[in-house]
Amino acid sequence: QVQLVESGGRLVQAGDSLRLSCAASGRTFSSYAMAWFRQAPGKEREFVSGIRWSAGTTYYADSVKGRFTISRDNAKNTVYLQMNSLKPEDTAVYYCAATSRPVSGSRWSSQADFGLWGQGTQVTVSS
């Protein structure tokens, strides 16, 4: 069974750091692009960060650039999102997603291109 399972979300204070994990299983993801999206209460889901698994090239939304870092561990088939200097506006459910389609530039934010999604993990940042 092909699946993505996120973990690591919890309640933290503003300024804290947190690392989310996305464990991928069921197939080889070396040719995939992986991404993190988030959905805050009352808002649409938005792109946060992406990584091409094989090349390791990364992409970030302007709102998290310089604070968040995406990475992957080939041996563990896991993608991480290191979040530093968290702000209350980072509060959201964070979703991991995967696509076998070529993704670049503005296509990273195209959720329709991502066919595989995890169940999400809640991150709450208190002020």
PDB file of N, CA and C in Angstrom:
ATOM      1  N   GLN A   1       0.846  -1.188   0.000  1.00  0.00           N
ATOM      2  CA  GLN A   1       0.000   0.000   0.000  1.00  0.00           C
ATOM      3  C   GLN A   1       0.884   1.242   0.000  1.00  0.00           C
ATOM      4  N   VAL A   2       0.643   2.125  -0.962  1.00  0.00           N
ATOM      5  CA  VAL A   2       1.403   3.353  -1.069  1.00  0.00           C
ATOM      6  C   VAL A   2       0.812   4.378  -0.106  1.00  0.00           C
ATOM      7  N   GLN A   3       1.655   4.921   0.735  1.00  0.00           N
ATOM      8  CA  GLN A   3       1.129   5.909   1.661  1.00  0.00           C
ATOM      9  C   GLN A   3       2.197   6.854   2.167  1.00  0.00           C
ATOM     10  N   LEU A   4       1.723   8.006   2.626  1.00  0.00           N
ATOM     11  CA  LEU A   4       2.545   9.015   3.276  1.00  0.00           C
ATOM     12  C   LEU A   4       1.988   9.218   4.669  1.00  0.00           C
ATOM     13  N   VAL A   5       2.852   9.191   5.662  1.00  0.00           N
ATOM     14  CA  VAL A   5       2.413   9.355   7.040  1.00  0.00           C
ATOM     15  C   VAL A   5       3.226  10.468   7.682  1.00  0.00           C
ATOM     16  N   GLU A   6       2.520  11.543   8.035  1.00  0.00           N
ATOM     17  CA  GLU A   6       3.174  12.676   8.701  1.00  0.00           C
ATOM     18  C   GLU A   6       3.180  12.486  10.205  1.00  0.00           C
ATOM     19  N   SER A   7       4.153  13.106  10.840  1.00  0.00           N
ATOM     20  CA  SER A   7       4.220  13.108  12.296  1.00  0.00           C
ATOM     21  C   SER A   7       5.042  14.302  12.743  1.00  0.00           C
ATOM     22  N   GLY A   8       4.966  14.594  14.025  1.00  0.00           N
ATOM     23  CA  GLY A   8       5.785  15.648  14.611  1.00  0.00           C
ATOM     24  C   GLY A   8       5.051  16.910  14.991  1.00  0.00           C
ATOM     25  N   GLY A   9       3.828  17.055  14.569  1.00  0.00           N
ATOM     26  CA  GLY A   9       3.094  18.263  14.900  1.00  0.00           C
ATOM     27  C   GLY A   9       2.695  18.296  16.369  1.00  0.00           C
ATOM     28  N   ARG A  10       2.701  19.476  16.936  1.00  0.00           N
ATOM     29  CA  ARG A  10       2.293  19.655  18.330  1.00  0.00           C
ATOM     30  C   ARG A  10       2.139  21.126  18.631  1.00  0.00           C
ATOM     31  N   LEU A  11       1.809  21.433  19.872  1.00  0.00           N
ATOM     32  CA  LEU A  11       1.683  22.811  20.341  1.00  0.00           C
ATOM     33  C   LEU A  11       3.050  23.327  20.781  1.00  0.00           C
ATOM     34  N   VAL A  12       3.431  24.478  20.232  1.00  0.00           N
ATOM     35  CA  VAL A  12       4.695  25.105  20.603  1.00  0.00           C
ATOM     36  C   VAL A  12       4.452  26.595  20.804  1.00  0.00           C
ATOM     37  N   GLN A  13       5.467  27.276  21.320  1.00  0.00           N
ATOM     38  CA  GLN A  13       5.373  28.717  21.511  1.00  0.00           C
ATOM     39  C   GLN A  13       6.059  29.453  20.366  1.00  0.00           C
ATOM     40  N   ALA A  14       5.668  30.683  20.164  1.00  0.00           N
ATOM     41  CA  ALA A  14       6.293  31.507  19.136  1.00  0.00           C
ATOM     42  C   ALA A  14       7.799  31.564  19.379  1.00  0.00           C
ATOM     43  N   GLY A  15       8.560  31.412  18.292  1.00  0.00           N
ATOM     44  CA  GLY A  15      10.011  31.411  18.387  1.00  0.00           C
ATOM     45  C   GLY A  15      10.620  30.030  18.509  1.00  0.00           C
ATOM     46  N   ASP A  16       9.801  29.041  18.829  1.00  0.00           N
ATOM     47  CA  ASP A  16      10.293  27.668  18.969  1.00  0.00           C
ATOM     48  C   ASP A  16      10.578  27.043  17.606  1.00  0.00           C
ATOM     49  N   SER A  17      11.198  25.868  17.666  1.00  0.00           N
ATOM     50  CA  SER A  17      11.474  25.078  16.466  1.00  0.00           C
ATOM     51  C   SER A  17      10.728  23.755  16.549  1.00  0.00           C
ATOM     52  N   LEU A  18      10.497  23.181  15.384  1.00  0.00           N
ATOM     53  CA  LEU A  18       9.766  21.923  15.312  1.00  0.00           C
ATOM     54  C   LEU A  18      10.177  21.223  14.020  1.00  0.00           C
ATOM     55  N   ARG A  19      10.272  19.903  14.068  1.00  0.00           N
ATOM     56  CA  ARG A  19      10.583  19.151  12.849  1.00  0.00           C
ATOM     57  C   ARG A  19       9.457  18.173  12.542  1.00  0.00           C
ATOM     58  N   LEU A  20       8.905  18.300  11.363  1.00  0.00           N
ATOM     59  CA  LEU A  20       7.891  17.378  10.887  1.00  0.00           C
ATOM     60  C   LEU A  20       8.537  16.290  10.036  1.00  0.00           C
ATOM     61  N   SER A  21       7.955  15.114  10.091  1.00  0.00           N
ATOM     62  CA  SER A  21       8.436  13.990   9.290  1.00  0.00           C
ATOM     63  C   SER A  21       7.329  13.472   8.393  1.00  0.00           C
ATOM     64  N   CYS A  22       7.733  12.980   7.239  1.00  0.00           N
ATOM     65  CA  CYS A  22       6.794  12.353   6.307  1.00  0.00           C
ATOM     66  C   CYS A  22       7.418  11.040   5.859  1.00  0.00           C
ATOM     67  N   ALA A  23       6.895   9.946   6.370  1.00  0.00           N
ATOM     68  CA  ALA A  23       7.409   8.627   6.026  1.00  0.00           C
ATOM     69  C   ALA A  23       6.662   8.101   4.806  1.00  0.00           C
ATOM     70  N   ALA A  24       7.418   7.809   3.758  1.00  0.00           N
ATOM     71  CA  ALA A  24       6.839   7.322   2.511  1.00  0.00           C
ATOM     72  C   ALA A  24       7.061   5.823   2.386  1.00  0.00           C
ATOM     73  N   SER A  25       6.043   5.116   1.932  1.00  0.00           N
ATOM     74  CA  SER A  25       6.178   3.670   1.804  1.00  0.00           C
ATOM     75  C   SER A  25       5.331   3.150   0.661  1.00  0.00           C
ATOM     76  N   GLY A  26       5.636   1.952   0.226  1.00  0.00           N
ATOM     77  CA  GLY A  26       4.837   1.295  -0.788  1.00  0.00           C
ATOM     78  C   GLY A  26       5.393   1.361  -2.192  1.00  0.00           C
ATOM     79  N   ARG A  27       6.362   2.225  -2.403  1.00  0.00           N
ATOM     80  CA  ARG A  27       6.989   2.301  -3.732  1.00  0.00           C
ATOM     81  C   ARG A  27       8.309   3.044  -3.598  1.00  0.00           C
ATOM     82  N   THR A  28       9.038   3.087  -4.689  1.00  0.00           N
ATOM     83  CA  THR A  28      10.277   3.857  -4.723  1.00  0.00           C
ATOM     84  C   THR A  28       9.958   5.289  -5.108  1.00  0.00           C
ATOM     85  N   PHE A  29      10.385   6.224  -4.268  1.00  0.00           N
ATOM     86  CA  PHE A  29      10.063   7.623  -4.486  1.00  0.00           C
ATOM     87  C   PHE A  29      11.218   8.414  -5.068  1.00  0.00           C
ATOM     88  N   SER A  30      12.252   7.732  -5.516  1.00  0.00           N
ATOM     89  CA  SER A  30      13.442   8.433  -5.967  1.00  0.00           C
ATOM     90  C   SER A  30      13.180   9.340  -7.165  1.00  0.00           C
ATOM     91  N   SER A  31      12.148   9.058  -7.951  1.00  0.00           N
ATOM     92  CA  SER A  31      11.845   9.896  -9.115  1.00  0.00           C
ATOM     93  C   SER A  31      10.739  10.903  -8.819  1.00  0.00           C
ATOM     94  N   TYR A  32      10.320  10.983  -7.598  1.00  0.00           N
ATOM     95  CA  TYR A  32       9.194  11.827  -7.215  1.00  0.00           C
ATOM     96  C   TYR A  32       9.652  13.204  -6.742  1.00  0.00           C
ATOM     97  N   ALA A  33       8.691  14.105  -6.761  1.00  0.00           N
ATOM     98  CA  ALA A  33       8.822  15.376  -6.076  1.00  0.00           C
ATOM     99  C   ALA A  33       7.920  15.316  -4.853  1.00  0.00           C
ATOM    100  N   MET A  34       8.451  15.759  -3.740  1.00  0.00           N
ATOM    101  CA  MET A  34       7.724  15.740  -2.480  1.00  0.00           C
ATOM    102  C   MET A  34       7.495  17.168  -2.025  1.00  0.00           C
ATOM    103  N   ALA A  35       6.399  17.392  -1.347  1.00  0.00           N
ATOM    104  CA  ALA A  35       6.096  18.755  -0.907  1.00  0.00           C
ATOM    105  C   ALA A  35       5.345  18.757   0.407  1.00  0.00           C
ATOM    106  N   TRP A  36       5.444  19.881   1.076  1.00  0.00           N
ATOM    107  CA  TRP A  36       4.635  20.166   2.257  1.00  0.00           C
ATOM    108  C   TRP A  36       3.666  21.294   1.893  1.00  0.00           C
ATOM    109  N   PHE A  37       2.410  21.064   2.237  1.00  0.00           N
ATOM    110  CA  PHE A  37       1.380  22.088   2.144  1.00  0.00           C
ATOM    111  C   PHE A  37       0.831  22.297   3.554  1.00  0.00           C
ATOM    112  N   ARG A  38       0.114  23.369   3.750  1.00  0.00           N
ATOM    113  CA  ARG A  38      -0.531  23.600   5.039  1.00  0.00           C
ATOM    114  C   ARG A  38      -1.870  24.280   4.829  1.00  0.00           C
ATOM    115  N   GLN A  39      -2.750  24.030   5.792  1.00  0.00           N
ATOM    116  CA  GLN A  39      -4.062  24.656   5.761  1.00  0.00           C
ATOM    117  C   GLN A  39      -4.391  25.198   7.127  1.00  0.00           C
ATOM    118  N   ALA A  40      -4.497  26.514   7.208  1.00  0.00           N
ATOM    119  CA  ALA A  40      -4.858  27.179   8.457  1.00  0.00           C
ATOM    120  C   ALA A  40      -6.378  27.237   8.571  1.00  0.00           C
ATOM    121  N   PRO A  41      -6.905  27.394   9.782  1.00  0.00           N
ATOM    122  CA  PRO A  41      -8.359  27.463   9.961  1.00  0.00           C
ATOM    123  C   PRO A  41      -8.974  28.573   9.127  1.00  0.00           C
ATOM    124  N   GLY A  42      -9.987  28.225   8.353  1.00  0.00           N
ATOM    125  CA  GLY A  42     -10.689  29.203   7.554  1.00  0.00           C
ATOM    126  C   GLY A  42      -9.972  29.647   6.298  1.00  0.00           C
ATOM    127  N   LYS A  43      -8.838  29.015   5.989  1.00  0.00           N
ATOM    128  CA  LYS A  43      -8.067  29.403   4.811  1.00  0.00           C
ATOM    129  C   LYS A  43      -7.889  28.222   3.868  1.00  0.00           C
ATOM    130  N   GLU A  44      -7.506  28.534   2.642  1.00  0.00           N
ATOM    131  CA  GLU A  44      -7.240  27.490   1.672  1.00  0.00           C
ATOM    132  C   GLU A  44      -5.871  26.871   1.939  1.00  0.00           C
ATOM    133  N   ARG A  45      -5.728  25.643   1.501  1.00  0.00           N
ATOM    134  CA  ARG A  45      -4.447  24.961   1.644  1.00  0.00           C
ATOM    135  C   ARG A  45      -3.428  25.645   0.743  1.00  0.00           C
ATOM    136  N   GLU A  46      -2.205  25.800   1.245  1.00  0.00           N
ATOM    137  CA  GLU A  46      -1.177  26.510   0.492  1.00  0.00           C
ATOM    138  C   GLU A  46       0.133  25.735   0.500  1.00  0.00           C
ATOM    139  N   PHE A  47       0.923  25.976  -0.543  1.00  0.00           N
ATOM    140  CA  PHE A  47       2.230  25.359  -0.664  1.00  0.00           C
ATOM    141  C   PHE A  47       3.193  25.960   0.357  1.00  0.00           C
ATOM    142  N   VAL A  48       4.019  25.101   0.947  1.00  0.00           N
ATOM    143  CA  VAL A  48       5.022  25.546   1.908  1.00  0.00           C
ATOM    144  C   VAL A  48       6.434  25.321   1.366  1.00  0.00           C
ATOM    145  N   SER A  49       6.706  24.082   0.978  1.00  0.00           N
ATOM    146  CA  SER A  49       8.057  23.753   0.539  1.00  0.00           C
ATOM    147  C   SER A  49       8.047  22.468  -0.263  1.00  0.00           C
ATOM    148  N   GLY A  50       9.026  22.315  -1.169  1.00  0.00           N
ATOM    149  CA  GLY A  50       9.107  21.113  -1.972  1.00  0.00           C
ATOM    150  C   GLY A  50      10.548  20.685  -2.203  1.00  0.00           C
ATOM    151  N   ILE A  51      10.706  19.422  -2.546  1.00  0.00           N
ATOM    152  CA  ILE A  51      12.036  18.885  -2.817  1.00  0.00           C
ATOM    153  C   ILE A  51      11.947  17.810  -3.887  1.00  0.00           C
ATOM    154  N   ARG A  52      12.864  17.848  -4.802  1.00  0.00           N
ATOM    155  CA  ARG A  52      12.962  16.764  -5.779  1.00  0.00           C
ATOM    156  C   ARG A  52      13.814  15.673  -5.144  1.00  0.00           C
ATOM    157  N   TRP A  53      13.250  14.496  -5.006  1.00  0.00           N
ATOM    158  CA  TRP A  53      13.878  13.468  -4.205  1.00  0.00           C
ATOM    159  C   TRP A  53      15.264  13.112  -4.719  1.00  0.00           C
ATOM    160  N   SER A  54      15.405  12.904  -6.024  1.00  0.00           N
ATOM    161  CA  SER A  54      16.685  12.435  -6.553  1.00  0.00           C
ATOM    162  C   SER A  54      17.758  13.518  -6.510  1.00  0.00           C
ATOM    163  N   ALA A  55      17.412  14.719  -6.933  1.00  0.00           N
ATOM    164  CA  ALA A  55      18.407  15.791  -7.026  1.00  0.00           C
ATOM    165  C   ALA A  55      18.581  16.525  -5.709  1.00  0.00           C
ATOM    166  N   GLY A  56      17.548  16.505  -4.885  1.00  0.00           N
ATOM    167  CA  GLY A  56      17.617  17.219  -3.617  1.00  0.00           C
ATOM    168  C   GLY A  56      17.397  18.711  -3.727  1.00  0.00           C
ATOM    169  N   THR A  57      17.009  19.192  -4.901  1.00  0.00           N
ATOM    170  CA  THR A  57      16.751  20.626  -5.058  1.00  0.00           C
ATOM    171  C   THR A  57      15.481  21.004  -4.313  1.00  0.00           C
ATOM    172  N   THR A  58      15.503  22.182  -3.717  1.00  0.00           N
ATOM    173  CA  THR A  58      14.437  22.584  -2.819  1.00  0.00           C
ATOM    174  C   THR A  58      13.766  23.879  -3.254  1.00  0.00           C
ATOM    175  N   TYR A  59      12.529  24.054  -2.782  1.00  0.00           N
ATOM    176  CA  TYR A  59      11.741  25.230  -3.127  1.00  0.00           C
ATOM    177  C   TYR A  59      10.931  25.646  -1.904  1.00  0.00           C
ATOM    178  N   TYR A  60      10.744  26.948  -1.761  1.00  0.00           N
ATOM    179  CA  TYR A  60      10.051  27.447  -0.586  1.00  0.00           C
ATOM    180  C   TYR A  60       9.079  28.558  -0.947  1.00  0.00           C
ATOM    181  N   ALA A  61       7.987  28.605  -0.198  1.00  0.00           N
ATOM    182  CA  ALA A  61       7.103  29.755  -0.270  1.00  0.00           C
ATOM    183  C   ALA A  61       7.815  30.935   0.385  1.00  0.00           C
ATOM    184  N   ASP A  62       7.528  32.120  -0.092  1.00  0.00           N
ATOM    185  CA  ASP A  62       8.189  33.314   0.454  1.00  0.00           C
ATOM    186  C   ASP A  62       7.945  33.455   1.952  1.00  0.00           C
ATOM    187  N   SER A  63       6.780  33.008   2.402  1.00  0.00           N
ATOM    188  CA  SER A  63       6.411  33.196   3.808  1.00  0.00           C
ATOM    189  C   SER A  63       7.262  32.375   4.770  1.00  0.00           C
ATOM    190  N   VAL A  64       7.940  31.350   4.266  1.00  0.00           N
ATOM    191  CA  VAL A  64       8.740  30.494   5.151  1.00  0.00           C
ATOM    192  C   VAL A  64      10.210  30.498   4.784  1.00  0.00           C
ATOM    193  N   LYS A  65      10.566  31.169   3.711  1.00  0.00           N
ATOM    194  CA  LYS A  65      11.952  31.177   3.250  1.00  0.00           C
ATOM    195  C   LYS A  65      12.853  31.751   4.347  1.00  0.00           C
ATOM    196  N   GLY A  66      13.936  31.058   4.623  1.00  0.00           N
ATOM    197  CA  GLY A  66      14.856  31.493   5.664  1.00  0.00           C
ATOM    198  C   GLY A  66      14.527  30.948   7.037  1.00  0.00           C
ATOM    199  N   ARG A  67      13.326  30.413   7.214  1.00  0.00           N
ATOM    200  CA  ARG A  67      12.928  29.853   8.514  1.00  0.00           C
ATOM    201  C   ARG A  67      12.733  28.335   8.448  1.00  0.00           C
ATOM    202  N   PHE A  68      12.235  27.840   7.323  1.00  0.00           N
ATOM    203  CA  PHE A  68      11.956  26.417   7.167  1.00  0.00           C
ATOM    204  C   PHE A  68      12.996  25.787   6.241  1.00  0.00           C
ATOM    205  N   THR A  69      13.298  24.530   6.500  1.00  0.00           N
ATOM    206  CA  THR A  69      14.219  23.777   5.660  1.00  0.00           C
ATOM    207  C   THR A  69      13.641  22.395   5.381  1.00  0.00           C
ATOM    208  N   ILE A  70      13.549  22.050   4.118  1.00  0.00           N
ATOM    209  CA  ILE A  70      13.079  20.718   3.732  1.00  0.00           C
ATOM    210  C   ILE A  70      14.284  19.843   3.389  1.00  0.00           C
ATOM    211  N   SER A  71      14.194  18.582   3.741  1.00  0.00           N
ATOM    212  CA  SER A  71      15.285  17.646   3.445  1.00  0.00           C
ATOM    213  C   SER A  71      14.710  16.240   3.321  1.00  0.00           C
ATOM    214  N   ARG A  72      15.523  15.321   2.857  1.00  0.00           N
ATOM    215  CA  ARG A  72      15.075  13.934   2.778  1.00  0.00           C
ATOM    216  C   ARG A  72      16.192  12.995   3.173  1.00  0.00           C
ATOM    217  N   ASP A  73      15.774  11.858   3.709  1.00  0.00           N
ATOM    218  CA  ASP A  73      16.694  10.795   4.100  1.00  0.00           C
ATOM    219  C   ASP A  73      16.388   9.594   3.225  1.00  0.00           C
ATOM    220  N   ASN A  74      17.276   9.311   2.296  1.00  0.00           N
ATOM    221  CA  ASN A  74      17.026   8.228   1.350  1.00  0.00           C
ATOM    222  C   ASN A  74      16.906   6.873   2.051  1.00  0.00           C
ATOM    223  N   ALA A  75      17.746   6.662   3.037  1.00  0.00           N
ATOM    224  CA  ALA A  75      17.749   5.370   3.718  1.00  0.00           C
ATOM    225  C   ALA A  75      16.448   5.121   4.466  1.00  0.00           C
ATOM    226  N   LYS A  76      15.866   6.185   4.997  1.00  0.00           N
ATOM    227  CA  LYS A  76      14.624   6.044   5.763  1.00  0.00           C
ATOM    228  C   LYS A  76      13.385   6.340   4.932  1.00  0.00           C
ATOM    229  N   ASN A  77      13.576   6.722   3.673  1.00  0.00           N
ATOM    230  CA  ASN A  77      12.439   7.060   2.811  1.00  0.00           C
ATOM    231  C   ASN A  77      11.540   8.095   3.480  1.00  0.00           C
ATOM    232  N   THR A  78      12.168   9.093   4.047  1.00  0.00           N
ATOM    233  CA  THR A  78      11.450  10.088   4.840  1.00  0.00           C
ATOM    234  C   THR A  78      11.853  11.490   4.413  1.00  0.00           C
ATOM    235  N   VAL A  79      10.869  12.365   4.360  1.00  0.00           N
ATOM    236  CA  VAL A  79      11.076  13.782   4.088  1.00  0.00           C
ATOM    237  C   VAL A  79      10.806  14.550   5.373  1.00  0.00           C
ATOM    238  N   TYR A  80      11.625  15.551   5.628  1.00  0.00           N
ATOM    239  CA  TYR A  80      11.498  16.337   6.845  1.00  0.00           C
ATOM    240  C   TYR A  80      11.212  17.794   6.507  1.00  0.00           C
ATOM    241  N   LEU A  81      10.576  18.463   7.456  1.00  0.00           N
ATOM    242  CA  LEU A  81      10.419  19.909   7.380  1.00  0.00           C
ATOM    243  C   LEU A  81      10.859  20.476   8.721  1.00  0.00           C
ATOM    244  N   GLN A  82      12.026  21.083   8.719  1.00  0.00           N
ATOM    245  CA  GLN A  82      12.533  21.745   9.913  1.00  0.00           C
ATOM    246  C   GLN A  82      11.993  23.162   9.941  1.00  0.00           C
ATOM    247  N   MET A  83      11.284  23.484  10.998  1.00  0.00           N
ATOM    248  CA  MET A  83      10.646  24.797  11.104  1.00  0.00           C
ATOM    249  C   MET A  83      11.248  25.540  12.288  1.00  0.00           C
ATOM    250  N   ASN A  84      11.879  26.650  12.013  1.00  0.00           N
ATOM    251  CA  ASN A  84      12.486  27.485  13.050  1.00  0.00           C
ATOM    252  C   ASN A  84      11.767  28.820  13.149  1.00  0.00           C
ATOM    253  N   SER A  85      11.977  29.494  14.250  1.00  0.00           N
ATOM    254  CA  SER A  85      11.376  30.820  14.465  1.00  0.00           C
ATOM    255  C   SER A  85       9.886  30.808  14.141  1.00  0.00           C
ATOM    256  N   LEU A  86       9.194  29.856  14.702  1.00  0.00           N
ATOM    257  CA  LEU A  86       7.772  29.695  14.398  1.00  0.00           C
ATOM    258  C   LEU A  86       6.965  30.894  14.863  1.00  0.00           C
ATOM    259  N   LYS A  87       5.941  31.204  14.083  1.00  0.00           N
ATOM    260  CA  LYS A  87       5.055  32.322  14.359  1.00  0.00           C
ATOM    261  C   LYS A  87       3.630  31.800  14.517  1.00  0.00           C
ATOM    262  N   PRO A  88       2.786  32.551  15.215  1.00  0.00           N
ATOM    263  CA  PRO A  88       1.379  32.115  15.335  1.00  0.00           C
ATOM    264  C   PRO A  88       0.720  31.887  13.974  1.00  0.00           C
ATOM    265  N   GLU A  89       1.119  32.637  12.966  1.00  0.00           N
ATOM    266  CA  GLU A  89       0.523  32.470  11.645  1.00  0.00           C
ATOM    267  C   GLU A  89       0.983  31.192  10.941  1.00  0.00           C
ATOM    268  N   ASP A  90       1.916  30.465  11.536  1.00  0.00           N
ATOM    269  CA  ASP A  90       2.299  29.160  11.009  1.00  0.00           C
ATOM    270  C   ASP A  90       1.353  28.055  11.490  1.00  0.00           C
ATOM    271  N   THR A  91       0.441  28.408  12.366  1.00  0.00           N
ATOM    272  CA  THR A  91      -0.526  27.437  12.863  1.00  0.00           C
ATOM    273  C   THR A  91      -1.370  26.897  11.712  1.00  0.00           C
ATOM    274  N   ALA A  92      -1.371  25.575  11.566  1.00  0.00           N
ATOM    275  CA  ALA A  92      -2.086  24.952  10.453  1.00  0.00           C
ATOM    276  C   ALA A  92      -1.959  23.437  10.565  1.00  0.00           C
ATOM    277  N   VAL A  93      -2.749  22.755   9.760  1.00  0.00           N
ATOM    278  CA  VAL A  93      -2.517  21.340   9.534  1.00  0.00           C
ATOM    279  C   VAL A  93      -1.532  21.230   8.372  1.00  0.00           C
ATOM    280  N   TYR A  94      -0.464  20.501   8.595  1.00  0.00           N
ATOM    281  CA  TYR A  94       0.580  20.357   7.585  1.00  0.00           C
ATOM    282  C   TYR A  94       0.437  19.005   6.901  1.00  0.00           C
ATOM    283  N   TYR A  95       0.428  19.045   5.575  1.00  0.00           N
ATOM    284  CA  TYR A  95       0.249  17.846   4.769  1.00  0.00           C
ATOM    285  C   TYR A  95       1.496  17.581   3.927  1.00  0.00           C
ATOM    286  N   CYS A  96       1.835  16.321   3.845  1.00  0.00           N
ATOM    287  CA  CYS A  96       2.883  15.873   2.944  1.00  0.00           C
ATOM    288  C   CYS A  96       2.217  15.376   1.663  1.00  0.00           C
ATOM    289  N   ALA A  97       2.844  15.655   0.525  1.00  0.00           N
ATOM    290  CA  ALA A  97       2.277  15.243  -0.760  1.00  0.00           C
ATOM    291  C   ALA A  97       3.387  14.796  -1.701  1.00  0.00           C
ATOM    292  N   ALA A  98       3.015  13.963  -2.660  1.00  0.00           N
ATOM    293  CA  ALA A  98       3.998  13.441  -3.611  1.00  0.00           C
ATOM    294  C   ALA A  98       3.424  13.430  -5.016  1.00  0.00           C
ATOM    295  N   THR A  99       4.319  13.620  -5.980  1.00  0.00           N
ATOM    296  CA  THR A  99       3.916  13.544  -7.380  1.00  0.00           C
ATOM    297  C   THR A  99       5.039  12.972  -8.211  1.00  0.00           C
ATOM    298  N   SER A 100       4.670  12.212  -9.235  1.00  0.00           N
ATOM    299  CA  SER A 100       5.663  11.686 -10.169  1.00  0.00           C
ATOM    300  C   SER A 100       5.788  12.610 -11.377  1.00  0.00           C
ATOM    301  N   ARG A 101       4.977  13.655 -11.420  1.00  0.00           N
ATOM    302  CA  ARG A 101       5.033  14.591 -12.538  1.00  0.00           C
ATOM    303  C   ARG A 101       6.208  15.543 -12.354  1.00  0.00           C
ATOM    304  N   PRO A 102       6.733  16.048 -13.453  1.00  0.00           N
ATOM    305  CA  PRO A 102       7.782  17.064 -13.328  1.00  0.00           C
ATOM    306  C   PRO A 102       7.197  18.346 -12.758  1.00  0.00           C
ATOM    307  N   VAL A 103       7.839  18.883 -11.762  1.00  0.00           N
ATOM    308  CA  VAL A 103       7.354  20.086 -11.095  1.00  0.00           C
ATOM    309  C   VAL A 103       8.462  21.120 -11.072  1.00  0.00           C
ATOM    310  N   SER A 104       8.106  22.334 -11.408  1.00  0.00           N
ATOM    311  CA  SER A 104       9.084  23.421 -11.338  1.00  0.00           C
ATOM    312  C   SER A 104       8.354  24.740 -11.213  1.00  0.00           C
ATOM    313  N   GLY A 105       9.032  25.700 -10.686  1.00  0.00           N
ATOM    314  CA  GLY A 105       8.502  27.042 -10.582  1.00  0.00           C
ATOM    315  C   GLY A 105       7.136  27.087  -9.917  1.00  0.00           C
ATOM    316  N   SER A 106       6.210  27.752 -10.566  1.00  0.00           N
ATOM    317  CA  SER A 106       4.883  27.955  -9.997  1.00  0.00           C
ATOM    318  C   SER A 106       4.072  26.666  -9.898  1.00  0.00           C
ATOM    319  N   ARG A 107       4.479  25.618 -10.613  1.00  0.00           N
ATOM    320  CA  ARG A 107       3.753  24.341 -10.545  1.00  0.00           C
ATOM    321  C   ARG A 107       3.849  23.701  -9.171  1.00  0.00           C
ATOM    322  N   TRP A 108       4.821  24.107  -8.376  1.00  0.00           N
ATOM    323  CA  TRP A 108       4.926  23.558  -7.030  1.00  0.00           C
ATOM    324  C   TRP A 108       3.672  23.829  -6.219  1.00  0.00           C
ATOM    325  N   SER A 109       3.003  24.942  -6.472  1.00  0.00           N
ATOM    326  CA  SER A 109       1.830  25.294  -5.699  1.00  0.00           C
ATOM    327  C   SER A 109       0.550  24.701  -6.273  1.00  0.00           C
ATOM    328  N   SER A 110       0.677  23.928  -7.347  1.00  0.00           N
ATOM    329  CA  SER A 110      -0.492  23.316  -7.979  1.00  0.00           C
ATOM    330  C   SER A 110      -0.832  22.014  -7.271  1.00  0.00           C
ATOM    331  N   GLN A 111      -1.784  22.076  -6.386  1.00  0.00           N
ATOM    332  CA  GLN A 111      -2.122  20.898  -5.590  1.00  0.00           C
ATOM    333  C   GLN A 111      -2.664  19.759  -6.444  1.00  0.00           C
ATOM    334  N   ALA A 112      -3.283  20.103  -7.558  1.00  0.00           N
ATOM    335  CA  ALA A 112      -3.855  19.076  -8.433  1.00  0.00           C
ATOM    336  C   ALA A 112      -2.785  18.173  -9.036  1.00  0.00           C
ATOM    337  N   ASP A 113      -1.552  18.647  -9.079  1.00  0.00           N
ATOM    338  CA  ASP A 113      -0.468  17.837  -9.624  1.00  0.00           C
ATOM    339  C   ASP A 113       0.018  16.776  -8.649  1.00  0.00           C
ATOM    340  N   PHE A 114      -0.358  16.904  -7.403  1.00  0.00           N
ATOM    341  CA  PHE A 114       0.096  15.973  -6.370  1.00  0.00           C
ATOM    342  C   PHE A 114      -0.994  14.940  -6.121  1.00  0.00           C
ATOM    343  N   GLY A 115      -0.718  13.700  -6.498  1.00  0.00           N
ATOM    344  CA  GLY A 115      -1.739  12.661  -6.430  1.00  0.00           C
ATOM    345  C   GLY A 115      -1.742  11.854  -5.152  1.00  0.00           C
ATOM    346  N   LEU A 116      -0.715  12.000  -4.347  1.00  0.00           N
ATOM    347  CA  LEU A 116      -0.623  11.220  -3.120  1.00  0.00           C
ATOM    348  C   LEU A 116      -0.465  12.168  -1.940  1.00  0.00           C
ATOM    349  N   TRP A 117      -1.318  11.995  -0.938  1.00  0.00           N
ATOM    350  CA  TRP A 117      -1.344  12.889   0.217  1.00  0.00           C
ATOM    351  C   TRP A 117      -1.353  12.086   1.505  1.00  0.00           C
ATOM    352  N   GLY A 118      -0.753  12.694   2.535  1.00  0.00           N
ATOM    353  CA  GLY A 118      -0.863  12.139   3.865  1.00  0.00           C
ATOM    354  C   GLY A 118      -2.100  12.668   4.559  1.00  0.00           C
ATOM    355  N   GLN A 119      -2.256  12.243   5.809  1.00  0.00           N
ATOM    356  CA  GLN A 119      -3.466  12.604   6.556  1.00  0.00           C
ATOM    357  C   GLN A 119      -3.327  13.942   7.263  1.00  0.00           C
ATOM    358  N   GLY A 120      -2.117  14.461   7.363  1.00  0.00           N
ATOM    359  CA  GLY A 120      -1.889  15.750   7.986  1.00  0.00           C
ATOM    360  C   GLY A 120      -1.470  15.646   9.439  1.00  0.00           C
ATOM    361  N   THR A 121      -0.757  16.658   9.902  1.00  0.00           N
ATOM    362  CA  THR A 121      -0.362  16.741  11.298  1.00  0.00           C
ATOM    363  C   THR A 121      -0.535  18.187  11.756  1.00  0.00           C
ATOM    364  N   GLN A 122      -1.108  18.353  12.947  1.00  0.00           N
ATOM    365  CA  GLN A 122      -1.463  19.684  13.425  1.00  0.00           C
ATOM    366  C   GLN A 122      -0.276  20.365  14.084  1.00  0.00           C
ATOM    367  N   VAL A 123      -0.013  21.580  13.650  1.00  0.00           N
ATOM    368  CA  VAL A 123       0.991  22.436  14.282  1.00  0.00           C
ATOM    369  C   VAL A 123       0.266  23.668  14.822  1.00  0.00           C
ATOM    370  N   THR A 124       0.428  23.914  16.108  1.00  0.00           N
ATOM    371  CA  THR A 124      -0.182  25.073  16.733  1.00  0.00           C
ATOM    372  C   THR A 124       0.912  25.895  17.402  1.00  0.00           C
ATOM    373  N   VAL A 125       0.979  27.164  17.041  1.00  0.00           N
ATOM    374  CA  VAL A 125       1.992  28.057  17.592  1.00  0.00           C
ATOM    375  C   VAL A 125       1.290  29.113  18.431  1.00  0.00           C
ATOM    376  N   SER A 126       1.553  29.111  19.718  1.00  0.00           N
ATOM    377  CA  SER A 126       0.919  30.081  20.603  1.00  0.00           C
ATOM    378  C   SER A 126       1.786  31.330  20.723  1.00  0.00           C
ATOM    379  N   SER A 127       1.136  32.449  20.926  1.00  0.00           N
ATOM    380  CA  SER A 127       1.872  33.731  21.023  1.00  0.00           C
ATOM    381  C   SER A 127       2.309  34.016  22.445  1.00  0.00           C
TER     382      SER A 127
END
